[in-house]
Amino acid sequence: KTYLNLALFRASPLTFQTNCLNLLKQYPNDAFYLNAWGKFLLRMNKLELAEKVLKQSVELIPENGNLNYDVGKLYFDYKNYDSLAKFTGSHPEVMKKRIVDKTKPIPTAALL
């Protein structure tokens, strides 16, 4: 599993794709293999499919912060603030304010 995270940016896309898909054939419900595949799809600019796969990995282990982070990062990087807010359970305007104005801390009560 660690190999896939390292190989994502070091191996050729074809090598990574082949290895990851072979692992997913053997372990189709492994959240970490799904996460690696989702990050690869994101790297290949397949945003809708990447979102679906990354969210599937979170559904398998919802308490894993790293898996949740990757979904949130997808929304943040592509400025999909409404989906980011929905995913994190925060109001969209609060999320936009946190993103735009990083210098001012937002009170914890505002995040609830």
PDB file of N, CA and C in Angstrom:
ATOM      1  N   LYS A   1       0.827  -1.189   0.000  1.00  0.00           N
ATOM      2  CA  LYS A   1       0.000   0.000   0.000  1.00  0.00           C
ATOM      3  C   LYS A   1       0.867   1.247   0.000  1.00  0.00           C
ATOM      4  N   THR A   2       1.927   1.215   0.743  1.00  0.00           N
ATOM      5  CA  THR A   2       2.845   2.344   0.743  1.00  0.00           C
ATOM      6  C   THR A   2       3.499   2.480  -0.623  1.00  0.00           C
ATOM      7  N   TYR A   3       3.742   1.342  -1.262  1.00  0.00           N
ATOM      8  CA  TYR A   3       4.338   1.360  -2.594  1.00  0.00           C
ATOM      9  C   TYR A   3       3.520   2.208  -3.548  1.00  0.00           C
ATOM     10  N   LEU A   4       2.201   2.048  -3.513  1.00  0.00           N
ATOM     11  CA  LEU A   4       1.361   2.784  -4.445  1.00  0.00           C
ATOM     12  C   LEU A   4       1.448   4.281  -4.218  1.00  0.00           C
ATOM     13  N   ASN A   5       1.500   4.702  -2.970  1.00  0.00           N
ATOM     14  CA  ASN A   5       1.617   6.132  -2.701  1.00  0.00           C
ATOM     15  C   ASN A   5       2.939   6.684  -3.214  1.00  0.00           C
ATOM     16  N   LEU A   6       4.004   5.920  -3.071  1.00  0.00           N
ATOM     17  CA  LEU A   6       5.299   6.358  -3.586  1.00  0.00           C
ATOM     18  C   LEU A   6       5.346   6.270  -5.111  1.00  0.00           C
ATOM     19  N   ALA A   7       4.774   5.230  -5.657  1.00  0.00           N
ATOM     20  CA  ALA A   7       4.834   5.003  -7.101  1.00  0.00           C
ATOM     21  C   ALA A   7       3.967   5.973  -7.884  1.00  0.00           C
ATOM     22  N   LEU A   8       2.994   6.585  -7.238  1.00  0.00           N
ATOM     23  CA  LEU A   8       2.075   7.475  -7.940  1.00  0.00           C
ATOM     24  C   LEU A   8       2.828   8.548  -8.725  1.00  0.00           C
ATOM     25  N   PHE A   9       3.895   9.063  -8.163  1.00  0.00           N
ATOM     26  CA  PHE A   9       4.638  10.121  -8.834  1.00  0.00           C
ATOM     27  C   PHE A   9       6.004   9.678  -9.342  1.00  0.00           C
ATOM     28  N   ARG A  10       6.359   8.427  -9.094  1.00  0.00           N
ATOM     29  CA  ARG A  10       7.676   7.962  -9.537  1.00  0.00           C
ATOM     30  C   ARG A  10       7.599   6.969 -10.689  1.00  0.00           C
ATOM     31  N   ALA A  11       6.577   6.167 -10.714  1.00  0.00           N
ATOM     32  CA  ALA A  11       6.442   5.165 -11.780  1.00  0.00           C
ATOM     33  C   ALA A  11       5.771   5.805 -12.994  1.00  0.00           C
ATOM     34  N   SER A  12       5.949   5.189 -14.121  1.00  0.00           N
ATOM     35  CA  SER A  12       5.250   5.675 -15.311  1.00  0.00           C
ATOM     36  C   SER A  12       3.751   5.465 -15.098  1.00  0.00           C
ATOM     37  N   PRO A  13       2.925   6.304 -15.707  1.00  0.00           N
ATOM     38  CA  PRO A  13       1.479   6.129 -15.540  1.00  0.00           C
ATOM     39  C   PRO A  13       0.987   4.735 -15.926  1.00  0.00           C
ATOM     40  N   LEU A  14       1.545   4.173 -16.986  1.00  0.00           N
ATOM     41  CA  LEU A  14       1.113   2.841 -17.415  1.00  0.00           C
ATOM     42  C   LEU A  14       1.481   1.781 -16.382  1.00  0.00           C
ATOM     43  N   THR A  15       2.679   1.873 -15.837  1.00  0.00           N
ATOM     44  CA  THR A  15       3.105   0.915 -14.803  1.00  0.00           C
ATOM     45  C   THR A  15       2.227   1.041 -13.574  1.00  0.00           C
ATOM     46  N   PHE A  16       1.986   2.259 -13.156  1.00  0.00           N
ATOM     47  CA  PHE A  16       1.152   2.475 -11.979  1.00  0.00           C
ATOM     48  C   PHE A  16      -0.259   1.932 -12.219  1.00  0.00           C
ATOM     49  N   GLN A  17      -0.826   2.267 -13.347  1.00  0.00           N
ATOM     50  CA  GLN A  17      -2.176   1.818 -13.676  1.00  0.00           C
ATOM     51  C   GLN A  17      -2.269   0.300 -13.673  1.00  0.00           C
ATOM     52  N   THR A  18      -1.313  -0.349 -14.305  1.00  0.00           N
ATOM     53  CA  THR A  18      -1.315  -1.817 -14.370  1.00  0.00           C
ATOM     54  C   THR A  18      -1.238  -2.430 -12.979  1.00  0.00           C
ATOM     55  N   ASN A  19      -0.301  -1.959 -12.172  1.00  0.00           N
ATOM     56  CA  ASN A  19      -0.133  -2.513 -10.824  1.00  0.00           C
ATOM     57  C   ASN A  19      -1.347  -2.248  -9.944  1.00  0.00           C
ATOM     58  N   CYS A  20      -1.856  -1.043 -10.009  1.00  0.00           N
ATOM     59  CA  CYS A  20      -2.994  -0.697  -9.162  1.00  0.00           C
ATOM     60  C   CYS A  20      -4.239  -1.504  -9.554  1.00  0.00           C
ATOM     61  N   LEU A  21      -4.508  -1.613 -10.831  1.00  0.00           N
ATOM     62  CA  LEU A  21      -5.678  -2.380 -11.274  1.00  0.00           C
ATOM     63  C   LEU A  21      -5.544  -3.857 -10.938  1.00  0.00           C
ATOM     64  N   ASN A  22      -4.335  -4.403 -11.036  1.00  0.00           N
ATOM     65  CA  ASN A  22      -4.128  -5.800 -10.640  1.00  0.00           C
ATOM     66  C   ASN A  22      -4.419  -6.000  -9.155  1.00  0.00           C
ATOM     67  N   LEU A  23      -3.980  -5.059  -8.336  1.00  0.00           N
ATOM     68  CA  LEU A  23      -4.259  -5.152  -6.897  1.00  0.00           C
ATOM     69  C   LEU A  23      -5.754  -5.003  -6.609  1.00  0.00           C
ATOM     70  N   LEU A  24      -6.415  -4.109  -7.333  1.00  0.00           N
ATOM     71  CA  LEU A  24      -7.853  -3.929  -7.123  1.00  0.00           C
ATOM     72  C   LEU A  24      -8.655  -5.144  -7.588  1.00  0.00           C
ATOM     73  N   LYS A  25      -8.155  -5.880  -8.554  1.00  0.00           N
ATOM     74  CA  LYS A  25      -8.827  -7.127  -8.959  1.00  0.00           C
ATOM     75  C   LYS A  25      -8.765  -8.145  -7.822  1.00  0.00           C
ATOM     76  N   GLN A  26      -7.631  -8.187  -7.128  1.00  0.00           N
ATOM     77  CA  GLN A  26      -7.464  -9.119  -6.012  1.00  0.00           C
ATOM     78  C   GLN A  26      -8.187  -8.640  -4.759  1.00  0.00           C
ATOM     79  N   TYR A  27      -8.191  -7.330  -4.537  1.00  0.00           N
ATOM     80  CA  TYR A  27      -8.753  -6.750  -3.310  1.00  0.00           C
ATOM     81  C   TYR A  27      -9.681  -5.580  -3.657  1.00  0.00           C
ATOM     82  N   PRO A  28     -10.843  -5.869  -4.234  1.00  0.00           N
ATOM     83  CA  PRO A  28     -11.713  -4.793  -4.721  1.00  0.00           C
ATOM     84  C   PRO A  28     -12.281  -3.884  -3.628  1.00  0.00           C
ATOM     85  N   ASN A  29     -12.280  -4.333  -2.407  1.00  0.00           N
ATOM     86  CA  ASN A  29     -12.832  -3.522  -1.320  1.00  0.00           C
ATOM     87  C   ASN A  29     -11.755  -3.003  -0.369  1.00  0.00           C
ATOM     88  N   ASP A  30     -10.556  -2.859  -0.866  1.00  0.00           N
ATOM     89  CA  ASP A  30      -9.481  -2.310  -0.051  1.00  0.00           C
ATOM     90  C   ASP A  30      -9.491  -0.790  -0.205  1.00  0.00           C
ATOM     91  N   ALA A  31      -9.779  -0.095   0.879  1.00  0.00           N
ATOM     92  CA  ALA A  31      -9.919   1.356   0.841  1.00  0.00           C
ATOM     93  C   ALA A  31      -8.642   2.049   0.392  1.00  0.00           C
ATOM     94  N   PHE A  32      -7.493   1.512   0.765  1.00  0.00           N
ATOM     95  CA  PHE A  32      -6.232   2.172   0.437  1.00  0.00           C
ATOM     96  C   PHE A  32      -5.854   1.980  -1.027  1.00  0.00           C
ATOM     97  N   TYR A  33      -6.173   0.817  -1.596  1.00  0.00           N
ATOM     98  CA  TYR A  33      -5.951   0.631  -3.027  1.00  0.00           C
ATOM     99  C   TYR A  33      -6.908   1.504  -3.828  1.00  0.00           C
ATOM    100  N   LEU A  34      -8.156   1.589  -3.369  1.00  0.00           N
ATOM    101  CA  LEU A  34      -9.112   2.471  -4.035  1.00  0.00           C
ATOM    102  C   LEU A  34      -8.653   3.922  -3.959  1.00  0.00           C
ATOM    103  N   ASN A  35      -8.129   4.318  -2.814  1.00  0.00           N
ATOM    104  CA  ASN A  35      -7.645   5.681  -2.649  1.00  0.00           C
ATOM    105  C   ASN A  35      -6.493   5.968  -3.617  1.00  0.00           C
ATOM    106  N   ALA A  36      -5.574   5.040  -3.725  1.00  0.00           N
ATOM    107  CA  ALA A  36      -4.454   5.219  -4.655  1.00  0.00           C
ATOM    108  C   ALA A  36      -4.964   5.328  -6.091  1.00  0.00           C
ATOM    109  N   TRP A  37      -5.950   4.512  -6.440  1.00  0.00           N
ATOM    110  CA  TRP A  37      -6.525   4.563  -7.793  1.00  0.00           C
ATOM    111  C   TRP A  37      -7.224   5.909  -8.010  1.00  0.00           C
ATOM    112  N   GLY A  38      -7.942   6.378  -7.001  1.00  0.00           N
ATOM    113  CA  GLY A  38      -8.610   7.679  -7.109  1.00  0.00           C
ATOM    114  C   GLY A  38      -7.615   8.819  -7.298  1.00  0.00           C
ATOM    115  N   LYS A  39      -6.497   8.775  -6.574  1.00  0.00           N
ATOM    116  CA  LYS A  39      -5.478   9.813  -6.739  1.00  0.00           C
ATOM    117  C   LYS A  39      -4.836   9.743  -8.128  1.00  0.00           C
ATOM    118  N   PHE A  40      -4.691   8.528  -8.640  1.00  0.00           N
ATOM    119  CA  PHE A  40      -4.174   8.381 -10.001  1.00  0.00           C
ATOM    120  C   PHE A  40      -5.145   8.980 -11.010  1.00  0.00           C
ATOM    121  N   LEU A  41      -6.431   8.686 -10.851  1.00  0.00           N
ATOM    122  CA  LEU A  41      -7.435   9.243 -11.755  1.00  0.00           C
ATOM    123  C   LEU A  41      -7.431  10.769 -11.699  1.00  0.00           C
ATOM    124  N   LEU A  42      -7.256  11.292 -10.510  1.00  0.00           N
ATOM    125  CA  LEU A  42      -7.167  12.741 -10.349  1.00  0.00           C
ATOM    126  C   LEU A  42      -5.954  13.284 -11.109  1.00  0.00           C
ATOM    127  N   ARG A  43      -4.849  12.591 -10.990  1.00  0.00           N
ATOM    128  CA  ARG A  43      -3.631  12.995 -11.707  1.00  0.00           C
ATOM    129  C   ARG A  43      -3.844  12.952 -13.218  1.00  0.00           C
ATOM    130  N   MET A  44      -4.693  12.035 -13.686  1.00  0.00           N
ATOM    131  CA  MET A  44      -4.990  11.920 -15.108  1.00  0.00           C
ATOM    132  C   MET A  44      -6.139  12.850 -15.533  1.00  0.00           C
ATOM    133  N   ASN A  45      -6.583  13.684 -14.595  1.00  0.00           N
ATOM    134  CA  ASN A  45      -7.624  14.681 -14.832  1.00  0.00           C
ATOM    135  C   ASN A  45      -9.004  14.060 -15.106  1.00  0.00           C
ATOM    136  N   LYS A  46      -9.263  12.922 -14.517  1.00  0.00           N
ATOM    137  CA  LYS A  46     -10.568  12.254 -14.593  1.00  0.00           C
ATOM    138  C   LYS A  46     -11.338  12.592 -13.309  1.00  0.00           C
ATOM    139  N   LEU A  47     -11.783  13.839 -13.199  1.00  0.00           N
ATOM    140  CA  LEU A  47     -12.288  14.363 -11.939  1.00  0.00           C
ATOM    141  C   LEU A  47     -13.521  13.636 -11.414  1.00  0.00           C
ATOM    142  N   GLU A  48     -14.508  13.405 -12.257  1.00  0.00           N
ATOM    143  CA  GLU A  48     -15.741  12.767 -11.786  1.00  0.00           C
ATOM    144  C   GLU A  48     -15.488  11.351 -11.298  1.00  0.00           C
ATOM    145  N   LEU A  49     -14.714  10.604 -12.045  1.00  0.00           N
ATOM    146  CA  LEU A  49     -14.410   9.232 -11.644  1.00  0.00           C
ATOM    147  C   LEU A  49     -13.525   9.226 -10.395  1.00  0.00           C
ATOM    148  N   ALA A  50     -12.578  10.154 -10.330  1.00  0.00           N
ATOM    149  CA  ALA A  50     -11.717  10.255  -9.145  1.00  0.00           C
ATOM    150  C   ALA A  50     -12.552  10.535  -7.903  1.00  0.00           C
ATOM    151  N   GLU A  51     -13.506  11.454  -8.004  1.00  0.00           N
ATOM    152  CA  GLU A  51     -14.365  11.764  -6.867  1.00  0.00           C
ATOM    153  C   GLU A  51     -15.142  10.525  -6.417  1.00  0.00           C
ATOM    154  N   LYS A  52     -15.695   9.816  -7.362  1.00  0.00           N
ATOM    155  CA  LYS A  52     -16.471   8.602  -7.048  1.00  0.00           C
ATOM    156  C   LYS A  52     -15.612   7.565  -6.321  1.00  0.00           C
ATOM    157  N   VAL A  53     -14.415   7.326  -6.834  1.00  0.00           N
ATOM    158  CA  VAL A  53     -13.530   6.308  -6.253  1.00  0.00           C
ATOM    159  C   VAL A  53     -13.026   6.751  -4.875  1.00  0.00           C
ATOM    160  N   LEU A  54     -12.638   8.018  -4.754  1.00  0.00           N
ATOM    161  CA  LEU A  54     -12.150   8.509  -3.462  1.00  0.00           C
ATOM    162  C   LEU A  54     -13.255   8.444  -2.402  1.00  0.00           C
ATOM    163  N   LYS A  55     -14.472   8.811  -2.781  1.00  0.00           N
ATOM    164  CA  LYS A  55     -15.581   8.734  -1.822  1.00  0.00           C
ATOM    165  C   LYS A  55     -15.887   7.285  -1.455  1.00  0.00           C
ATOM    166  N   GLN A  56     -15.708   6.380  -2.397  1.00  0.00           N
ATOM    167  CA  GLN A  56     -15.906   4.955  -2.111  1.00  0.00           C
ATOM    168  C   GLN A  56     -14.909   4.479  -1.073  1.00  0.00           C
ATOM    169  N   SER A  57     -13.672   4.969  -1.142  1.00  0.00           N
ATOM    170  CA  SER A  57     -12.669   4.573  -0.149  1.00  0.00           C
ATOM    171  C   SER A  57     -13.056   5.084   1.234  1.00  0.00           C
ATOM    172  N   VAL A  58     -13.623   6.286   1.296  1.00  0.00           N
ATOM    173  CA  VAL A  58     -14.063   6.848   2.583  1.00  0.00           C
ATOM    174  C   VAL A  58     -15.228   6.044   3.154  1.00  0.00           C
ATOM    175  N   GLU A  59     -16.122   5.593   2.297  1.00  0.00           N
ATOM    176  CA  GLU A  59     -17.263   4.791   2.760  1.00  0.00           C
ATOM    177  C   GLU A  59     -16.798   3.500   3.435  1.00  0.00           C
ATOM    178  N   LEU A  60     -15.680   2.954   2.987  1.00  0.00           N
ATOM    179  CA  LEU A  60     -15.176   1.711   3.568  1.00  0.00           C
ATOM    180  C   LEU A  60     -14.546   1.936   4.947  1.00  0.00           C
ATOM    181  N   ILE A  61     -13.864   3.062   5.118  1.00  0.00           N
ATOM    182  CA  ILE A  61     -13.241   3.385   6.419  1.00  0.00           C
ATOM    183  C   ILE A  61     -13.497   4.871   6.706  1.00  0.00           C
ATOM    184  N   PRO A  62     -14.709   5.217   7.128  1.00  0.00           N
ATOM    185  CA  PRO A  62     -15.068   6.632   7.289  1.00  0.00           C
ATOM    186  C   PRO A  62     -14.259   7.369   8.353  1.00  0.00           C
ATOM    187  N   GLU A  63     -13.704   6.660   9.302  1.00  0.00           N
ATOM    188  CA  GLU A  63     -12.962   7.324  10.374  1.00  0.00           C
ATOM    189  C   GLU A  63     -11.506   7.626  10.001  1.00  0.00           C
ATOM    190  N   ASN A  64     -11.077   7.228   8.807  1.00  0.00           N
ATOM    191  CA  ASN A  64      -9.694   7.458   8.406  1.00  0.00           C
ATOM    192  C   ASN A  64      -9.524   8.885   7.881  1.00  0.00           C
ATOM    193  N   GLY A  65      -8.752   9.677   8.603  1.00  0.00           N
ATOM    194  CA  GLY A  65      -8.551  11.075   8.247  1.00  0.00           C
ATOM    195  C   GLY A  65      -7.858  11.281   6.918  1.00  0.00           C
ATOM    196  N   ASN A  66      -6.917  10.414   6.572  1.00  0.00           N
ATOM    197  CA  ASN A  66      -6.199  10.564   5.302  1.00  0.00           C
ATOM    198  C   ASN A  66      -7.120  10.379   4.106  1.00  0.00           C
ATOM    199  N   LEU A  67      -8.012   9.417   4.199  1.00  0.00           N
ATOM    200  CA  LEU A  67      -8.950   9.187   3.095  1.00  0.00           C
ATOM    201  C   LEU A  67      -9.900  10.369   2.955  1.00  0.00           C
ATOM    202  N   ASN A  68     -10.387  10.878   4.080  1.00  0.00           N
ATOM    203  CA  ASN A  68     -11.265  12.047   4.065  1.00  0.00           C
ATOM    204  C   ASN A  68     -10.531  13.272   3.521  1.00  0.00           C
ATOM    205  N   TYR A  69      -9.287  13.420   3.908  1.00  0.00           N
ATOM    206  CA  TYR A  69      -8.486  14.547   3.447  1.00  0.00           C
ATOM    207  C   TYR A  69      -8.405  14.566   1.921  1.00  0.00           C
ATOM    208  N   ASP A  70      -8.207  13.400   1.306  1.00  0.00           N
ATOM    209  CA  ASP A  70      -8.056  13.353  -0.144  1.00  0.00           C
ATOM    210  C   ASP A  70      -9.327  13.790  -0.868  1.00  0.00           C
ATOM    211  N   VAL A  71     -10.485  13.443  -0.326  1.00  0.00           N
ATOM    212  CA  VAL A  71     -11.744  13.903  -0.930  1.00  0.00           C
ATOM    213  C   VAL A  71     -11.858  15.421  -0.760  1.00  0.00           C
ATOM    214  N   GLY A  72     -11.596  15.905   0.448  1.00  0.00           N
ATOM    215  CA  GLY A  72     -11.660  17.336   0.686  1.00  0.00           C
ATOM    216  C   GLY A  72     -10.683  18.113  -0.178  1.00  0.00           C
ATOM    217  N   LYS A  73      -9.492  17.559  -0.351  1.00  0.00           N
ATOM    218  CA  LYS A  73      -8.477  18.224  -1.178  1.00  0.00           C
ATOM    219  C   LYS A  73      -8.921  18.300  -2.630  1.00  0.00           C
ATOM    220  N   LEU A  74      -9.576  17.264  -3.123  1.00  0.00           N
ATOM    221  CA  LEU A  74     -10.097  17.290  -4.486  1.00  0.00           C
ATOM    222  C   LEU A  74     -11.056  18.458  -4.643  1.00  0.00           C
ATOM    223  N   TYR A  75     -11.996  18.595  -3.710  1.00  0.00           N
ATOM    224  CA  TYR A  75     -12.966  19.685  -3.792  1.00  0.00           C
ATOM    225  C   TYR A  75     -12.273  21.040  -3.682  1.00  0.00           C
ATOM    226  N   PHE A  76     -11.330  21.153  -2.765  1.00  0.00           N
ATOM    227  CA  PHE A  76     -10.622  22.412  -2.561  1.00  0.00           C
ATOM    228  C   PHE A  76      -9.813  22.799  -3.794  1.00  0.00           C
ATOM    229  N   ASP A  77      -9.034  21.864  -4.313  1.00  0.00           N
ATOM    230  CA  ASP A  77      -8.164  22.158  -5.449  1.00  0.00           C
ATOM    231  C   ASP A  77      -8.946  22.592  -6.688  1.00  0.00           C
ATOM    232  N   TYR A  78     -10.141  22.071  -6.835  1.00  0.00           N
ATOM    233  CA  TYR A  78     -10.950  22.407  -8.007  1.00  0.00           C
ATOM    234  C   TYR A  78     -12.045  23.418  -7.678  1.00  0.00           C
ATOM    235  N   LYS A  79     -11.883  24.082  -6.530  1.00  0.00           N
ATOM    236  CA  LYS A  79     -12.751  25.175  -6.103  1.00  0.00           C
ATOM    237  C   LYS A  79     -14.233  24.797  -6.074  1.00  0.00           C
ATOM    238  N   ASN A  80     -14.498  23.557  -5.707  1.00  0.00           N
ATOM    239  CA  ASN A  80     -15.871  23.089  -5.560  1.00  0.00           C
ATOM    240  C   ASN A  80     -16.253  23.252  -4.082  1.00  0.00           C
ATOM    241  N   TYR A  81     -16.430  24.508  -3.675  1.00  0.00           N
ATOM    242  CA  TYR A  81     -16.615  24.831  -2.267  1.00  0.00           C
ATOM    243  C   TYR A  81     -17.927  24.310  -1.701  1.00  0.00           C
ATOM    244  N   ASP A  82     -18.978  24.260  -2.530  1.00  0.00           N
ATOM    245  CA  ASP A  82     -20.247  23.733  -2.032  1.00  0.00           C
ATOM    246  C   ASP A  82     -20.121  22.253  -1.676  1.00  0.00           C
ATOM    247  N   SER A  83     -19.460  21.482  -2.528  1.00  0.00           N
ATOM    248  CA  SER A  83     -19.257  20.058  -2.227  1.00  0.00           C
ATOM    249  C   SER A  83     -18.324  19.883  -1.041  1.00  0.00           C
ATOM    250  N   LEU A  84     -17.316  20.745  -0.940  1.00  0.00           N
ATOM    251  CA  LEU A  84     -16.401  20.692   0.196  1.00  0.00           C
ATOM    252  C   LEU A  84     -17.157  20.947   1.492  1.00  0.00           C
ATOM    253  N   ALA A  85     -18.013  21.957   1.477  1.00  0.00           N
ATOM    254  CA  ALA A  85     -18.798  22.280   2.670  1.00  0.00           C
ATOM    255  C   ALA A  85     -19.744  21.133   3.028  1.00  0.00           C
ATOM    256  N   LYS A  86     -20.380  20.560   2.025  1.00  0.00           N
ATOM    257  CA  LYS A  86     -21.295  19.436   2.273  1.00  0.00           C
ATOM    258  C   LYS A  86     -20.527  18.234   2.831  1.00  0.00           C
ATOM    259  N   PHE A  87     -19.373  17.965   2.269  1.00  0.00           N
ATOM    260  CA  PHE A  87     -18.574  16.826   2.705  1.00  0.00           C
ATOM    261  C   PHE A  87     -18.081  16.994   4.136  1.00  0.00           C
ATOM    262  N   THR A  88     -17.691  18.223   4.488  1.00  0.00           N
ATOM    263  CA  THR A  88     -17.170  18.477   5.831  1.00  0.00           C
ATOM    264  C   THR A  88     -18.261  18.816   6.835  1.00  0.00           C
ATOM    265  N   GLY A  89     -19.478  19.077   6.338  1.00  0.00           N
ATOM    266  CA  GLY A  89     -20.577  19.415   7.234  1.00  0.00           C
ATOM    267  C   GLY A  89     -20.597  20.868   7.651  1.00  0.00           C
ATOM    268  N   SER A  90     -19.855  21.717   6.959  1.00  0.00           N
ATOM    269  CA  SER A  90     -19.832  23.145   7.255  1.00  0.00           C
ATOM    270  C   SER A  90     -20.653  23.911   6.221  1.00  0.00           C
ATOM    271  N   HIS A  91     -21.069  25.095   6.589  1.00  0.00           N
ATOM    272  CA  HIS A  91     -21.808  25.962   5.674  1.00  0.00           C
ATOM    273  C   HIS A  91     -20.869  26.439   4.566  1.00  0.00           C
ATOM    274  N   PRO A  92     -21.327  26.502   3.311  1.00  0.00           N
ATOM    275  CA  PRO A  92     -20.449  26.908   2.211  1.00  0.00           C
ATOM    276  C   PRO A  92     -19.776  28.263   2.426  1.00  0.00           C
ATOM    277  N   GLU A  93     -20.485  29.222   2.989  1.00  0.00           N
ATOM    278  CA  GLU A  93     -19.884  30.547   3.197  1.00  0.00           C
ATOM    279  C   GLU A  93     -18.761  30.490   4.233  1.00  0.00           C
ATOM    280  N   VAL A  94     -18.921  29.637   5.248  1.00  0.00           N
ATOM    281  CA  VAL A  94     -17.865  29.475   6.251  1.00  0.00           C
ATOM    282  C   VAL A  94     -16.635  28.868   5.598  1.00  0.00           C
ATOM    283  N   MET A  95     -16.849  27.866   4.743  1.00  0.00           N
ATOM    284  CA  MET A  95     -15.719  27.230   4.074  1.00  0.00           C
ATOM    285  C   MET A  95     -15.007  28.224   3.161  1.00  0.00           C
ATOM    286  N   LYS A  96     -15.764  29.016   2.405  1.00  0.00           N
ATOM    287  CA  LYS A  96     -15.149  30.001   1.516  1.00  0.00           C
ATOM    288  C   LYS A  96     -14.346  31.008   2.319  1.00  0.00           C
ATOM    289  N   LYS A  97     -14.898  31.450   3.450  1.00  0.00           N
ATOM    290  CA  LYS A  97     -14.210  32.420   4.288  1.00  0.00           C
ATOM    291  C   LYS A  97     -12.906  31.823   4.829  1.00  0.00           C
ATOM    292  N   ARG A  98     -12.944  30.581   5.244  1.00  0.00           N
ATOM    293  CA  ARG A  98     -11.730  29.931   5.764  1.00  0.00           C
ATOM    294  C   ARG A  98     -10.673  29.820   4.681  1.00  0.00           C
ATOM    295  N   ILE A  99     -11.112  29.567   3.456  1.00  0.00           N
ATOM    296  CA  ILE A  99     -10.170  29.375   2.362  1.00  0.00           C
ATOM    297  C   ILE A  99      -9.602  30.719   1.902  1.00  0.00           C
ATOM    298  N   VAL A 100     -10.466  31.717   1.760  1.00  0.00           N
ATOM    299  CA  VAL A 100     -10.041  33.013   1.243  1.00  0.00           C
ATOM    300  C   VAL A 100      -9.219  33.787   2.264  1.00  0.00           C
ATOM    301  N   ASP A 101      -9.653  33.789   3.504  1.00  0.00           N
ATOM    302  CA  ASP A 101      -8.979  34.590   4.523  1.00  0.00           C
ATOM    303  C   ASP A 101      -8.304  33.665   5.537  1.00  0.00           C
ATOM    304  N   LYS A 102      -7.138  33.175   5.182  1.00  0.00           N
ATOM    305  CA  LYS A 102      -6.433  32.228   6.040  1.00  0.00           C
ATOM    306  C   LYS A 102      -5.750  32.907   7.220  1.00  0.00           C
ATOM    307  N   THR A 103      -5.661  34.237   7.194  1.00  0.00           N
ATOM    308  CA  THR A 103      -4.946  34.938   8.259  1.00  0.00           C
ATOM    309  C   THR A 103      -5.784  35.102   9.514  1.00  0.00           C
ATOM    310  N   LYS A 104      -7.100  35.112   9.367  1.00  0.00           N
ATOM    311  CA  LYS A 104      -7.969  35.305  10.526  1.00  0.00           C
ATOM    312  C   LYS A 104      -8.555  33.965  10.950  1.00  0.00           C
ATOM    313  N   PRO A 105      -8.314  33.549  12.185  1.00  0.00           N
ATOM    314  CA  PRO A 105      -8.911  32.288  12.645  1.00  0.00           C
ATOM    315  C   PRO A 105     -10.424  32.440  12.773  1.00  0.00           C
ATOM    316  N   ILE A 106     -11.113  31.365  12.486  1.00  0.00           N
ATOM    317  CA  ILE A 106     -12.561  31.352  12.601  1.00  0.00           C
ATOM    318  C   ILE A 106     -12.922  30.687  13.914  1.00  0.00           C
ATOM    319  N   PRO A 107     -13.784  31.300  14.718  1.00  0.00           N
ATOM    320  CA  PRO A 107     -14.162  30.665  15.978  1.00  0.00           C
ATOM    321  C   PRO A 107     -14.748  29.277  15.751  1.00  0.00           C
ATOM    322  N   THR A 108     -14.453  28.386  16.659  1.00  0.00           N
ATOM    323  CA  THR A 108     -14.932  27.001  16.545  1.00  0.00           C
ATOM    324  C   THR A 108     -16.442  26.957  16.405  1.00  0.00           C
ATOM    325  N   ALA A 109     -17.154  27.831  17.111  1.00  0.00           N
ATOM    326  CA  ALA A 109     -18.626  27.835  17.061  1.00  0.00           C
ATOM    327  C   ALA A 109     -19.120  28.084  15.654  1.00  0.00           C
ATOM    328  N   ALA A 110     -18.381  28.839  14.860  1.00  0.00           N
ATOM    329  CA  ALA A 110     -18.805  29.143  13.490  1.00  0.00           C
ATOM    330  C   ALA A 110     -18.711  27.925  12.585  1.00  0.00           C
ATOM    331  N   LEU A 111     -17.924  26.955  12.988  1.00  0.00           N
ATOM    332  CA  LEU A 111     -17.758  25.740  12.167  1.00  0.00           C
ATOM    333  C   LEU A 111     -18.831  24.709  12.426  1.00  0.00           C
ATOM    334  N   LEU A 112     -19.597  24.894  13.481  1.00  0.00           N
ATOM    335  CA  LEU A 112     -20.614  23.907  13.836  1.00  0.00           C
ATOM    336  C   LEU A 112     -21.930  24.194  13.182  1.00  0.00           C
TER     337      LEU A 112
END
